[in-house]
Structures are given as C-alpha cells and as structure tokens.
Amino acid sequence: MKLVYIASPYAGDIPNNVERAKEYCKQALEQGVIPVAPHLLYPQFLEDSDPAERNLGLRAGLELLSRCEEMWVFGEQISPGMSREIQFAQERGIPIRQWGPEAGMERGLSL
C-alpha cells in the first residue's frame, strides 16, 4: 500500500474540519492507500497557537510529505498551510490529486 499525504483545512472551524479530515482519511484507506494526516496528529500534543510548536509541527509534516508517494488535497479552500504543502510537493515532483467536496469526485488542481 502506498503512503498518501492528506491535506485539508484545519484552522477556522476546527471541530468540523477535524471530522472532515477523519472522513477523508477513511475514504483514502478504503481506496487501498495509507493516509498520512499530520493535522490530525500533531495538534494532539503540540499547541497550534504557540509559534514555535506550530513551526515544529509544520516542519515534521513536510518531512512526512517528503516520504509519501502522492498528496491528496481536499476541501473548498486552500489554506496558507496547505499552500505551503502543495508547493513543497510540486518542488519535489510528488503527484498531487485534488478532490471535490464530495471526496469521491476528482477534479483538476487549479492553484
């Protein structure tokens, strides 16, 4: 099974964004890939409002992304953090797939 980095919004409506990210991960797993979603893991023990801890989590997430075979982008909005991840993936030639709001409908990536 290949590792796939899951990117979706976190900030803003955190409770709903977390629930959506969990559903995206479940759908990815059901499609036969291993989802990697740092924005579901790191806020469990790092404080997002602390700049040093946020930066540590972002750096660790990019390291995870560098080890993934693909990146899947979900959600209607591309947050600044997601934009940074997308640019990182593009610079390294990591294939990127963008999924529509139904998470079952792929669409072209327009960044």
PDB file of N, CA and C in Angstrom:
ATOM      1  N   MET A   1       0.847  -1.180   0.000  1.00  0.00           N
ATOM      2  CA  MET A   1       0.000   0.000   0.000  1.00  0.00           C
ATOM      3  C   MET A   1       0.890   1.239   0.000  1.00  0.00           C
ATOM      4  N   LYS A   2       0.515   2.206  -0.809  1.00  0.00           N
ATOM      5  CA  LYS A   2       1.327   3.414  -0.852  1.00  0.00           C
ATOM      6  C   LYS A   2       0.869   4.427   0.195  1.00  0.00           C
ATOM      7  N   LEU A   3       1.843   5.249   0.629  1.00  0.00           N
ATOM      8  CA  LEU A   3       1.558   6.324   1.575  1.00  0.00           C
ATOM      9  C   LEU A   3       1.050   7.531   0.814  1.00  0.00           C
ATOM     10  N   VAL A   4      -0.064   8.105   1.292  1.00  0.00           N
ATOM     11  CA  VAL A   4      -0.659   9.276   0.661  1.00  0.00           C
ATOM     12  C   VAL A   4      -0.854  10.352   1.724  1.00  0.00           C
ATOM     13  N   TYR A   5      -0.308  11.516   1.463  1.00  0.00           N
ATOM     14  CA  TYR A   5      -0.418  12.659   2.363  1.00  0.00           C
ATOM     15  C   TYR A   5      -1.774  13.307   2.146  1.00  0.00           C
ATOM     16  N   ILE A   6      -2.537  13.471   3.224  1.00  0.00           N
ATOM     17  CA  ILE A   6      -3.867  14.076   3.161  1.00  0.00           C
ATOM     18  C   ILE A   6      -3.760  15.530   3.606  1.00  0.00           C
ATOM     19  N   ALA A   7      -4.130  16.442   2.724  1.00  0.00           N
ATOM     20  CA  ALA A   7      -4.136  17.874   3.049  1.00  0.00           C
ATOM     21  C   ALA A   7      -5.572  18.366   3.001  1.00  0.00           C
ATOM     22  N   SER A   8      -5.987  19.001   4.079  1.00  0.00           N
ATOM     23  CA  SER A   8      -7.313  19.616   4.141  1.00  0.00           C
ATOM     24  C   SER A   8      -7.249  20.720   5.187  1.00  0.00           C
ATOM     25  N   PRO A   9      -8.215  21.631   5.158  1.00  0.00           N
ATOM     26  CA  PRO A   9      -8.179  22.728   6.133  1.00  0.00           C
ATOM     27  C   PRO A   9      -8.236  22.233   7.575  1.00  0.00           C
ATOM     28  N   TYR A  10      -7.543  22.939   8.463  1.00  0.00           N
ATOM     29  CA  TYR A  10      -7.592  22.655   9.897  1.00  0.00           C
ATOM     30  C   TYR A  10      -8.136  23.863  10.655  1.00  0.00           C
ATOM     31  N   ALA A  11      -7.518  25.014  10.471  1.00  0.00           N
ATOM     32  CA  ALA A  11      -7.887  26.228  11.216  1.00  0.00           C
ATOM     33  C   ALA A  11      -9.290  26.680  10.855  1.00  0.00           C
ATOM     34  N   GLY A  12      -9.804  27.582  11.648  1.00  0.00           N
ATOM     35  CA  GLY A  12     -11.151  28.107  11.430  1.00  0.00           C
ATOM     36  C   GLY A  12     -12.136  27.284  12.242  1.00  0.00           C
ATOM     37  N   ASP A  13     -12.964  26.509  11.557  1.00  0.00           N
ATOM     38  CA  ASP A  13     -13.944  25.641  12.215  1.00  0.00           C
ATOM     39  C   ASP A  13     -13.276  24.307  12.536  1.00  0.00           C
ATOM     40  N   ILE A  14     -12.423  24.311  13.547  1.00  0.00           N
ATOM     41  CA  ILE A  14     -11.592  23.142  13.855  1.00  0.00           C
ATOM     42  C   ILE A  14     -12.411  21.873  14.083  1.00  0.00           C
ATOM     43  N   PRO A  15     -13.459  21.887  14.898  1.00  0.00           N
ATOM     44  CA  PRO A  15     -14.198  20.626  15.102  1.00  0.00           C
ATOM     45  C   PRO A  15     -14.730  20.023  13.798  1.00  0.00           C
ATOM     46  N   ASN A  16     -15.332  20.827  12.945  1.00  0.00           N
ATOM     47  CA  ASN A  16     -15.840  20.302  11.672  1.00  0.00           C
ATOM     48  C   ASN A  16     -14.715  19.926  10.717  1.00  0.00           C
ATOM     49  N   ASN A  17     -13.652  20.719  10.694  1.00  0.00           N
ATOM     50  CA  ASN A  17     -12.523  20.399   9.820  1.00  0.00           C
ATOM     51  C   ASN A  17     -11.852  19.097  10.220  1.00  0.00           C
ATOM     52  N   VAL A  18     -11.758  18.841  11.523  1.00  0.00           N
ATOM     53  CA  VAL A  18     -11.183  17.574  12.004  1.00  0.00           C
ATOM     54  C   VAL A  18     -12.071  16.409  11.581  1.00  0.00           C
ATOM     55  N   GLU A  19     -13.381  16.553  11.733  1.00  0.00           N
ATOM     56  CA  GLU A  19     -14.294  15.481  11.327  1.00  0.00           C
ATOM     57  C   GLU A  19     -14.186  15.201   9.829  1.00  0.00           C
ATOM     58  N   ARG A  20     -14.096  16.255   9.040  1.00  0.00           N
ATOM     59  CA  ARG A  20     -13.935  16.066   7.587  1.00  0.00           C
ATOM     60  C   ARG A  20     -12.615  15.361   7.275  1.00  0.00           C
ATOM     61  N   ALA A  21     -11.541  15.776   7.932  1.00  0.00           N
ATOM     62  CA  ALA A  21     -10.235  15.161   7.681  1.00  0.00           C
ATOM     63  C   ALA A  21     -10.256  13.671   8.044  1.00  0.00           C
ATOM     64  N   LYS A  22     -10.942  13.334   9.120  1.00  0.00           N
ATOM     65  CA  LYS A  22     -11.059  11.925   9.501  1.00  0.00           C
ATOM     66  C   LYS A  22     -11.807  11.137   8.431  1.00  0.00           C
ATOM     67  N   GLU A  23     -12.848  11.737   7.875  1.00  0.00           N
ATOM     68  CA  GLU A  23     -13.604  11.075   6.813  1.00  0.00           C
ATOM     69  C   GLU A  23     -12.751  10.931   5.553  1.00  0.00           C
ATOM     70  N   TYR A  24     -11.969  11.958   5.208  1.00  0.00           N
ATOM     71  CA  TYR A  24     -11.074  11.857   4.045  1.00  0.00           C
ATOM     72  C   TYR A  24     -10.078  10.713   4.237  1.00  0.00           C
ATOM     73  N   CYS A  25      -9.546  10.590   5.437  1.00  0.00           N
ATOM     74  CA  CYS A  25      -8.587   9.513   5.716  1.00  0.00           C
ATOM     75  C   CYS A  25      -9.252   8.145   5.593  1.00  0.00           C
ATOM     76  N   LYS A  26     -10.463   8.038   6.099  1.00  0.00           N
ATOM     77  CA  LYS A  26     -11.187   6.768   5.998  1.00  0.00           C
ATOM     78  C   LYS A  26     -11.428   6.406   4.539  1.00  0.00           C
ATOM     79  N   GLN A  27     -11.841   7.388   3.735  1.00  0.00           N
ATOM     80  CA  GLN A  27     -12.081   7.130   2.318  1.00  0.00           C
ATOM     81  C   GLN A  27     -10.793   6.730   1.602  1.00  0.00           C
ATOM     82  N   ALA A  28      -9.690   7.376   1.974  1.00  0.00           N
ATOM     83  CA  ALA A  28      -8.407   7.020   1.359  1.00  0.00           C
ATOM     84  C   ALA A  28      -8.040   5.578   1.698  1.00  0.00           C
ATOM     85  N   LEU A  29      -8.199   5.204   2.953  1.00  0.00           N
ATOM     86  CA  LEU A  29      -7.889   3.837   3.381  1.00  0.00           C
ATOM     87  C   LEU A  29      -8.772   2.833   2.637  1.00  0.00           C
ATOM     88  N   GLU A  30     -10.036   3.176   2.457  1.00  0.00           N
ATOM     89  CA  GLU A  30     -10.947   2.300   1.717  1.00  0.00           C
ATOM     90  C   GLU A  30     -10.559   2.171   0.251  1.00  0.00           C
ATOM     91  N   GLN A  31      -9.787   3.128  -0.264  1.00  0.00           N
ATOM     92  CA  GLN A  31      -9.306   3.063  -1.648  1.00  0.00           C
ATOM     93  C   GLN A  31      -7.963   2.344  -1.744  1.00  0.00           C
ATOM     94  N   GLY A  32      -7.492   1.791  -0.629  1.00  0.00           N
ATOM     95  CA  GLY A  32      -6.305   0.954  -0.662  1.00  0.00           C
ATOM     96  C   GLY A  32      -4.984   1.666  -0.452  1.00  0.00           C
ATOM     97  N   VAL A  33      -5.016   2.886   0.106  1.00  0.00           N
ATOM     98  CA  VAL A  33      -3.772   3.597   0.405  1.00  0.00           C
ATOM     99  C   VAL A  33      -3.697   3.856   1.909  1.00  0.00           C
ATOM    100  N   ILE A  34      -2.506   4.179   2.377  1.00  0.00           N
ATOM    101  CA  ILE A  34      -2.310   4.519   3.785  1.00  0.00           C
ATOM    102  C   ILE A  34      -2.310   6.038   3.909  1.00  0.00           C
ATOM    103  N   PRO A  35      -3.337   6.608   4.550  1.00  0.00           N
ATOM    104  CA  PRO A  35      -3.391   8.066   4.686  1.00  0.00           C
ATOM    105  C   PRO A  35      -2.454   8.570   5.778  1.00  0.00           C
ATOM    106  N   VAL A  36      -1.804   9.685   5.491  1.00  0.00           N
ATOM    107  CA  VAL A  36      -0.937  10.365   6.454  1.00  0.00           C
ATOM    108  C   VAL A  36      -1.501  11.777   6.615  1.00  0.00           C
ATOM    109  N   ALA A  37      -1.993  12.097   7.813  1.00  0.00           N
ATOM    110  CA  ALA A  37      -2.644  13.393   8.053  1.00  0.00           C
ATOM    111  C   ALA A  37      -2.075  14.037   9.313  1.00  0.00           C
ATOM    112  N   PRO A  38      -0.946  14.740   9.192  1.00  0.00           N
ATOM    113  CA  PRO A  38      -0.316  15.341  10.363  1.00  0.00           C
ATOM    114  C   PRO A  38      -1.219  16.321  11.105  1.00  0.00           C
ATOM    115  N   HIS A  39      -2.140  16.964  10.393  1.00  0.00           N
ATOM    116  CA  HIS A  39      -3.012  17.931  11.061  1.00  0.00           C
ATOM    117  C   HIS A  39      -4.039  17.252  11.975  1.00  0.00           C
ATOM    118  N   LEU A  40      -4.141  15.932  11.908  1.00  0.00           N
ATOM    119  CA  LEU A  40      -4.946  15.202  12.883  1.00  0.00           C
ATOM    120  C   LEU A  40      -4.098  14.707  14.049  1.00  0.00           C
ATOM    121  N   LEU A  41      -2.817  14.541  13.821  1.00  0.00           N
ATOM    122  CA  LEU A  41      -1.925  14.004  14.849  1.00  0.00           C
ATOM    123  C   LEU A  41      -1.281  15.091  15.712  1.00  0.00           C
ATOM    124  N   TYR A  42      -0.586  16.016  15.113  1.00  0.00           N
ATOM    125  CA  TYR A  42       0.231  16.952  15.881  1.00  0.00           C
ATOM    126  C   TYR A  42      -0.540  17.866  16.830  1.00  0.00           C
ATOM    127  N   PRO A  43      -1.753  18.304  16.489  1.00  0.00           N
ATOM    128  CA  PRO A  43      -2.492  19.131  17.462  1.00  0.00           C
ATOM    129  C   PRO A  43      -2.873  18.373  18.744  1.00  0.00           C
ATOM    130  N   GLN A  44      -2.681  17.052  18.742  1.00  0.00           N
ATOM    131  CA  GLN A  44      -2.960  16.273  19.947  1.00  0.00           C
ATOM    132  C   GLN A  44      -1.945  16.556  21.052  1.00  0.00           C
ATOM    133  N   PHE A  45      -0.729  16.972  20.648  1.00  0.00           N
ATOM    134  CA  PHE A  45       0.304  17.212  21.657  1.00  0.00           C
ATOM    135  C   PHE A  45       1.124  18.474  21.421  1.00  0.00           C
ATOM    136  N   LEU A  46       0.886  19.182  20.328  1.00  0.00           N
ATOM    137  CA  LEU A  46       1.537  20.470  20.075  1.00  0.00           C
ATOM    138  C   LEU A  46       0.478  21.567  20.102  1.00  0.00           C
ATOM    139  N   GLU A  47       0.823  22.713  20.632  1.00  0.00           N
ATOM    140  CA  GLU A  47      -0.106  23.841  20.731  1.00  0.00           C
ATOM    141  C   GLU A  47      -0.020  24.678  19.453  1.00  0.00           C
ATOM    142  N   ASP A  48      -1.100  24.660  18.670  1.00  0.00           N
ATOM    143  CA  ASP A  48      -1.112  25.375  17.389  1.00  0.00           C
ATOM    144  C   ASP A  48      -0.959  26.880  17.576  1.00  0.00           C
ATOM    145  N   SER A  49      -1.363  27.404  18.724  1.00  0.00           N
ATOM    146  CA  SER A  49      -1.262  28.850  18.960  1.00  0.00           C
ATOM    147  C   SER A  49       0.137  29.287  19.403  1.00  0.00           C
ATOM    148  N   ASP A  50       1.015  28.339  19.694  1.00  0.00           N
ATOM    149  CA  ASP A  50       2.404  28.632  20.060  1.00  0.00           C
ATOM    150  C   ASP A  50       3.243  28.584  18.779  1.00  0.00           C
ATOM    151  N   PRO A  51       3.789  29.726  18.344  1.00  0.00           N
ATOM    152  CA  PRO A  51       4.515  29.750  17.063  1.00  0.00           C
ATOM    153  C   PRO A  51       5.637  28.716  16.966  1.00  0.00           C
ATOM    154  N   ALA A  52       6.374  28.497  18.025  1.00  0.00           N
ATOM    155  CA  ALA A  52       7.479  27.526  17.972  1.00  0.00           C
ATOM    156  C   ALA A  52       6.935  26.105  17.791  1.00  0.00           C
ATOM    157  N   GLU A  53       5.880  25.771  18.518  1.00  0.00           N
ATOM    158  CA  GLU A  53       5.310  24.426  18.391  1.00  0.00           C
ATOM    159  C   GLU A  53       4.624  24.251  17.044  1.00  0.00           C
ATOM    160  N   ARG A  54       3.953  25.292  16.569  1.00  0.00           N
ATOM    161  CA  ARG A  54       3.316  25.210  15.246  1.00  0.00           C
ATOM    162  C   ARG A  54       4.366  24.981  14.173  1.00  0.00           C
ATOM    163  N   ASN A  55       5.472  25.722  14.240  1.00  0.00           N
ATOM    164  CA  ASN A  55       6.539  25.570  13.261  1.00  0.00           C
ATOM    165  C   ASN A  55       7.140  24.161  13.314  1.00  0.00           C
ATOM    166  N   LEU A  56       7.311  23.629  14.510  1.00  0.00           N
ATOM    167  CA  LEU A  56       7.829  22.269  14.665  1.00  0.00           C
ATOM    168  C   LEU A  56       6.891  21.266  13.992  1.00  0.00           C
ATOM    169  N   GLY A  57       5.592  21.422  14.217  1.00  0.00           N
ATOM    170  CA  GLY A  57       4.617  20.534  13.591  1.00  0.00           C
ATOM    171  C   GLY A  57       4.607  20.664  12.074  1.00  0.00           C
ATOM    172  N   LEU A  58       4.716  21.902  11.582  1.00  0.00           N
ATOM    173  CA  LEU A  58       4.748  22.112  10.129  1.00  0.00           C
ATOM    174  C   LEU A  58       5.985  21.471   9.505  1.00  0.00           C
ATOM    175  N   ARG A  59       7.122  21.621  10.153  1.00  0.00           N
ATOM    176  CA  ARG A  59       8.361  21.017   9.631  1.00  0.00           C
ATOM    177  C   ARG A  59       8.262  19.492   9.632  1.00  0.00           C
ATOM    178  N   ALA A  60       7.720  18.935  10.705  1.00  0.00           N
ATOM    179  CA  ALA A  60       7.563  17.477  10.780  1.00  0.00           C
ATOM    180  C   ALA A  60       6.595  16.995   9.700  1.00  0.00           C
ATOM    181  N   GLY A  61       5.519  17.768   9.465  1.00  0.00           N
ATOM    182  CA  GLY A  61       4.570  17.401   8.422  1.00  0.00           C
ATOM    183  C   GLY A  61       5.205  17.383   7.045  1.00  0.00           C
ATOM    184  N   LEU A  62       6.045  18.369   6.757  1.00  0.00           N
ATOM    185  CA  LEU A  62       6.729  18.393   5.462  1.00  0.00           C
ATOM    186  C   LEU A  62       7.687  17.215   5.319  1.00  0.00           C
ATOM    187  N   GLU A  63       8.316  16.819   6.407  1.00  0.00           N
ATOM    188  CA  GLU A  63       9.186  15.640   6.352  1.00  0.00           C
ATOM    189  C   GLU A  63       8.364  14.397   6.034  1.00  0.00           C
ATOM    190  N   LEU A  64       7.197  14.283   6.653  1.00  0.00           N
ATOM    191  CA  LEU A  64       6.316  13.160   6.322  1.00  0.00           C
ATOM    192  C   LEU A  64       5.903  13.211   4.856  1.00  0.00           C
ATOM    193  N   LEU A  65       5.544  14.395   4.382  1.00  0.00           N
ATOM    194  CA  LEU A  65       5.146  14.556   2.988  1.00  0.00           C
ATOM    195  C   LEU A  65       6.258  14.102   2.046  1.00  0.00           C
ATOM    196  N   SER A  66       7.497  14.390   2.388  1.00  0.00           N
ATOM    197  CA  SER A  66       8.618  14.002   1.515  1.00  0.00           C
ATOM    198  C   SER A  66       8.733  12.485   1.371  1.00  0.00           C
ATOM    199  N   ARG A  67       8.135  11.746   2.296  1.00  0.00           N
ATOM    200  CA  ARG A  67       8.211  10.282   2.264  1.00  0.00           C
ATOM    201  C   ARG A  67       6.978   9.636   1.630  1.00  0.00           C
ATOM    202  N   CYS A  68       6.003  10.454   1.251  1.00  0.00           N
ATOM    203  CA  CYS A  68       4.766   9.944   0.660  1.00  0.00           C
ATOM    204  C   CYS A  68       4.891   9.849  -0.856  1.00  0.00           C
ATOM    205  N   GLU A  69       4.101   8.950  -1.427  1.00  0.00           N
ATOM    206  CA  GLU A  69       4.117   8.752  -2.873  1.00  0.00           C
ATOM    207  C   GLU A  69       3.172   9.693  -3.602  1.00  0.00           C
ATOM    208  N   GLU A  70       2.151  10.189  -2.912  1.00  0.00           N
ATOM    209  CA  GLU A  70       1.200  11.125  -3.500  1.00  0.00           C
ATOM    210  C   GLU A  70       0.706  12.061  -2.414  1.00  0.00           C
ATOM    211  N   MET A  71       0.107  13.164  -2.872  1.00  0.00           N
ATOM    212  CA  MET A  71      -0.579  14.087  -1.981  1.00  0.00           C
ATOM    213  C   MET A  71      -2.006  14.225  -2.499  1.00  0.00           C
ATOM    214  N   TRP A  72      -2.976  14.091  -1.585  1.00  0.00           N
ATOM    215  CA  TRP A  72      -4.373  14.291  -1.942  1.00  0.00           C
ATOM    216  C   TRP A  72      -4.850  15.540  -1.217  1.00  0.00           C
ATOM    217  N   VAL A  73      -5.445  16.467  -1.946  1.00  0.00           N
ATOM    218  CA  VAL A  73      -5.914  17.743  -1.407  1.00  0.00           C
ATOM    219  C   VAL A  73      -7.439  17.739  -1.391  1.00  0.00           C
ATOM    220  N   PHE A  74      -8.004  18.038  -0.215  1.00  0.00           N
ATOM    221  CA  PHE A  74      -9.454  18.058  -0.036  1.00  0.00           C
ATOM    222  C   PHE A  74      -9.897  19.423   0.448  1.00  0.00           C
ATOM    223  N   GLY A  75     -11.155  19.755   0.168  1.00  0.00           N
ATOM    224  CA  GLY A  75     -11.744  20.978   0.697  1.00  0.00           C
ATOM    225  C   GLY A  75     -11.914  22.046  -0.360  1.00  0.00           C
ATOM    226  N   GLU A  76     -12.803  22.964  -0.057  1.00  0.00           N
ATOM    227  CA  GLU A  76     -13.104  24.058  -0.976  1.00  0.00           C
ATOM    228  C   GLU A  76     -12.033  25.146  -0.939  1.00  0.00           C
ATOM    229  N   GLN A  77     -11.399  25.344   0.197  1.00  0.00           N
ATOM    230  CA  GLN A  77     -10.412  26.412   0.365  1.00  0.00           C
ATOM    231  C   GLN A  77      -9.012  25.817   0.520  1.00  0.00           C
ATOM    232  N   ILE A  78      -8.042  26.501  -0.037  1.00  0.00           N
ATOM    233  CA  ILE A  78      -6.636  26.147   0.167  1.00  0.00           C
ATOM    234  C   ILE A  78      -6.099  27.116   1.215  1.00  0.00           C
ATOM    235  N   SER A  79      -5.810  26.598   2.397  1.00  0.00           N
ATOM    236  CA  SER A  79      -5.293  27.435   3.478  1.00  0.00           C
ATOM    237  C   SER A  79      -3.824  27.768   3.220  1.00  0.00           C
ATOM    238  N   PRO A  80      -3.274  28.753   3.941  1.00  0.00           N
ATOM    239  CA  PRO A  80      -1.836  29.045   3.778  1.00  0.00           C
ATOM    240  C   PRO A  80      -0.956  27.824   4.065  1.00  0.00           C
ATOM    241  N   GLY A  81      -1.300  27.046   5.072  1.00  0.00           N
ATOM    242  CA  GLY A  81      -0.521  25.843   5.374  1.00  0.00           C
ATOM    243  C   GLY A  81      -0.594  24.824   4.255  1.00  0.00           C
ATOM    244  N   MET A  82      -1.795  24.644   3.706  1.00  0.00           N
ATOM    245  CA  MET A  82      -1.953  23.722   2.585  1.00  0.00           C
ATOM    246  C   MET A  82      -1.186  24.209   1.364  1.00  0.00           C
ATOM    247  N   SER A  83      -1.200  25.514   1.133  1.00  0.00           N
ATOM    248  CA  SER A  83      -0.470  26.080   0.003  1.00  0.00           C
ATOM    249  C   SER A  83       1.023  25.781   0.123  1.00  0.00           C
ATOM    250  N   ARG A  84       1.540  25.915   1.327  1.00  0.00           N
ATOM    251  CA  ARG A  84       2.962  25.598   1.578  1.00  0.00           C
ATOM    252  C   ARG A  84       3.243  24.121   1.292  1.00  0.00           C
ATOM    253  N   GLU A  85       2.326  23.245   1.716  1.00  0.00           N
ATOM    254  CA  GLU A  85       2.498  21.809   1.473  1.00  0.00           C
ATOM    255  C   GLU A  85       2.430  21.495  -0.025  1.00  0.00           C
ATOM    256  N   ILE A  86       1.497  22.118  -0.727  1.00  0.00           N
ATOM    257  CA  ILE A  86       1.364  21.890  -2.160  1.00  0.00           C
ATOM    258  C   ILE A  86       2.622  22.341  -2.900  1.00  0.00           C
ATOM    259  N   GLN A  87       3.135  23.500  -2.541  1.00  0.00           N
ATOM    260  CA  GLN A  87       4.364  23.988  -3.173  1.00  0.00           C
ATOM    261  C   GLN A  87       5.519  23.023  -2.902  1.00  0.00           C
ATOM    262  N   PHE A  88       5.636  22.535  -1.677  1.00  0.00           N
ATOM    263  CA  PHE A  88       6.671  21.577  -1.292  1.00  0.00           C
ATOM    264  C   PHE A  88       6.568  20.321  -2.164  1.00  0.00           C
ATOM    265  N   ALA A  89       5.335  19.797  -2.313  1.00  0.00           N
ATOM    266  CA  ALA A  89       5.131  18.591  -3.128  1.00  0.00           C
ATOM    267  C   ALA A  89       5.492  18.850  -4.590  1.00  0.00           C
ATOM    268  N   GLN A  90       5.083  20.000  -5.115  1.00  0.00           N
ATOM    269  CA  GLN A  90       5.388  20.335  -6.510  1.00  0.00           C
ATOM    270  C   GLN A  90       6.887  20.412  -6.738  1.00  0.00           C
ATOM    271  N   GLU A  91       7.606  21.033  -5.816  1.00  0.00           N
ATOM    272  CA  GLU A  91       9.058  21.175  -5.952  1.00  0.00           C
ATOM    273  C   GLU A  91       9.764  19.828  -5.948  1.00  0.00           C
ATOM    274  N   ARG A  92       9.165  18.831  -5.339  1.00  0.00           N
ATOM    275  CA  ARG A  92       9.778  17.506  -5.233  1.00  0.00           C
ATOM    276  C   ARG A  92       9.193  16.496  -6.206  1.00  0.00           C
ATOM    277  N   GLY A  93       8.275  16.950  -7.050  1.00  0.00           N
ATOM    278  CA  GLY A  93       7.694  16.060  -8.046  1.00  0.00           C
ATOM    279  C   GLY A  93       6.738  15.029  -7.477  1.00  0.00           C
ATOM    280  N   ILE A  94       6.174  15.300  -6.308  1.00  0.00           N
ATOM    281  CA  ILE A  94       5.206  14.385  -5.707  1.00  0.00           C
ATOM    282  C   ILE A  94       3.860  14.621  -6.401  1.00  0.00           C
ATOM    283  N   PRO A  95       3.266  13.573  -6.974  1.00  0.00           N
ATOM    284  CA  PRO A  95       1.974  13.745  -7.653  1.00  0.00           C
ATOM    285  C   PRO A  95       0.905  14.267  -6.688  1.00  0.00           C
ATOM    286  N   ILE A  96       0.077  15.183  -7.184  1.00  0.00           N
ATOM    287  CA  ILE A  96      -0.971  15.804  -6.380  1.00  0.00           C
ATOM    288  C   ILE A  96      -2.313  15.533  -7.046  1.00  0.00           C
ATOM    289  N   ARG A  97      -3.273  15.075  -6.238  1.00  0.00           N
ATOM    290  CA  ARG A  97      -4.656  14.902  -6.700  1.00  0.00           C
ATOM    291  C   ARG A  97      -5.535  15.790  -5.841  1.00  0.00           C
ATOM    292  N   GLN A  98      -6.460  16.481  -6.471  1.00  0.00           N
ATOM    293  CA  GLN A  98      -7.386  17.311  -5.710  1.00  0.00           C
ATOM    294  C   GLN A  98      -8.779  16.701  -5.829  1.00  0.00           C
ATOM    295  N   TRP A  99      -9.461  16.637  -4.694  1.00  0.00           N
ATOM    296  CA  TRP A  99     -10.778  16.019  -4.624  1.00  0.00           C
ATOM    297  C   TRP A  99     -11.821  17.083  -4.336  1.00  0.00           C
ATOM    298  N   GLY A 100     -12.993  16.921  -4.935  1.00  0.00           N
ATOM    299  CA  GLY A 100     -14.100  17.849  -4.724  1.00  0.00           C
ATOM    300  C   GLY A 100     -14.729  17.679  -3.354  1.00  0.00           C
ATOM    301  N   PRO A 101     -15.726  18.491  -3.054  1.00  0.00           N
ATOM    302  CA  PRO A 101     -16.338  18.479  -1.729  1.00  0.00           C
ATOM    303  C   PRO A 101     -16.964  17.133  -1.370  1.00  0.00           C
ATOM    304  N   GLU A 102     -17.338  16.348  -2.347  1.00  0.00           N
ATOM    305  CA  GLU A 102     -17.932  15.044  -2.061  1.00  0.00           C
ATOM    306  C   GLU A 102     -16.845  14.011  -1.735  1.00  0.00           C
ATOM    307  N   ALA A 103     -15.589  14.356  -1.912  1.00  0.00           N
ATOM    308  CA  ALA A 103     -14.437  13.478  -1.660  1.00  0.00           C
ATOM    309  C   ALA A 103     -14.498  12.197  -2.467  1.00  0.00           C
ATOM    310  N   GLY A 104     -15.325  12.157  -3.463  1.00  0.00           N
ATOM    311  CA  GLY A 104     -15.356  10.992  -4.316  1.00  0.00           C
ATOM    312  C   GLY A 104     -15.182  11.420  -5.765  1.00  0.00           C
ATOM    313  N   MET A 105     -15.045  12.709  -5.964  1.00  0.00           N
ATOM    314  CA  MET A 105     -15.009  13.253  -7.309  1.00  0.00           C
ATOM    315  C   MET A 105     -13.718  14.033  -7.504  1.00  0.00           C
ATOM    316  N   GLU A 106     -12.851  13.477  -8.282  1.00  0.00           N
ATOM    317  CA  GLU A 106     -11.577  14.146  -8.511  1.00  0.00           C
ATOM    318  C   GLU A 106     -11.784  15.286  -9.499  1.00  0.00           C
ATOM    319  N   ARG A 107     -11.026  16.347  -9.294  1.00  0.00           N
ATOM    320  CA  ARG A 107     -11.070  17.487 -10.208  1.00  0.00           C
ATOM    321  C   ARG A 107      -9.649  17.952 -10.459  1.00  0.00           C
ATOM    322  N   GLY A 108      -9.469  18.731 -11.483  1.00  0.00           N
ATOM    323  CA  GLY A 108      -8.147  19.252 -11.789  1.00  0.00           C
ATOM    324  C   GLY A 108      -7.658  20.203 -10.706  1.00  0.00           C
ATOM    325  N   LEU A 109      -6.393  20.182 -10.470  1.00  0.00           N
ATOM    326  CA  LEU A 109      -5.799  21.054  -9.466  1.00  0.00           C
ATOM    327  C   LEU A 109      -5.557  22.420 -10.079  1.00  0.00           C
ATOM    328  N   SER A 110      -6.189  23.432  -9.522  1.00  0.00           N
ATOM    329  CA  SER A 110      -6.002  24.788 -10.020  1.00  0.00           C
ATOM    330  C   SER A 110      -5.493  25.654  -8.891  1.00  0.00           C
ATOM    331  N   LEU A 111      -4.205  25.882  -8.889  1.00  0.00           N
ATOM    332  CA  LEU A 111      -3.587  26.659  -7.810  1.00  0.00           C
ATOM    333  C   LEU A 111      -3.026  27.953  -8.351  1.00  0.00           C
TER     334      LEU A 111
END
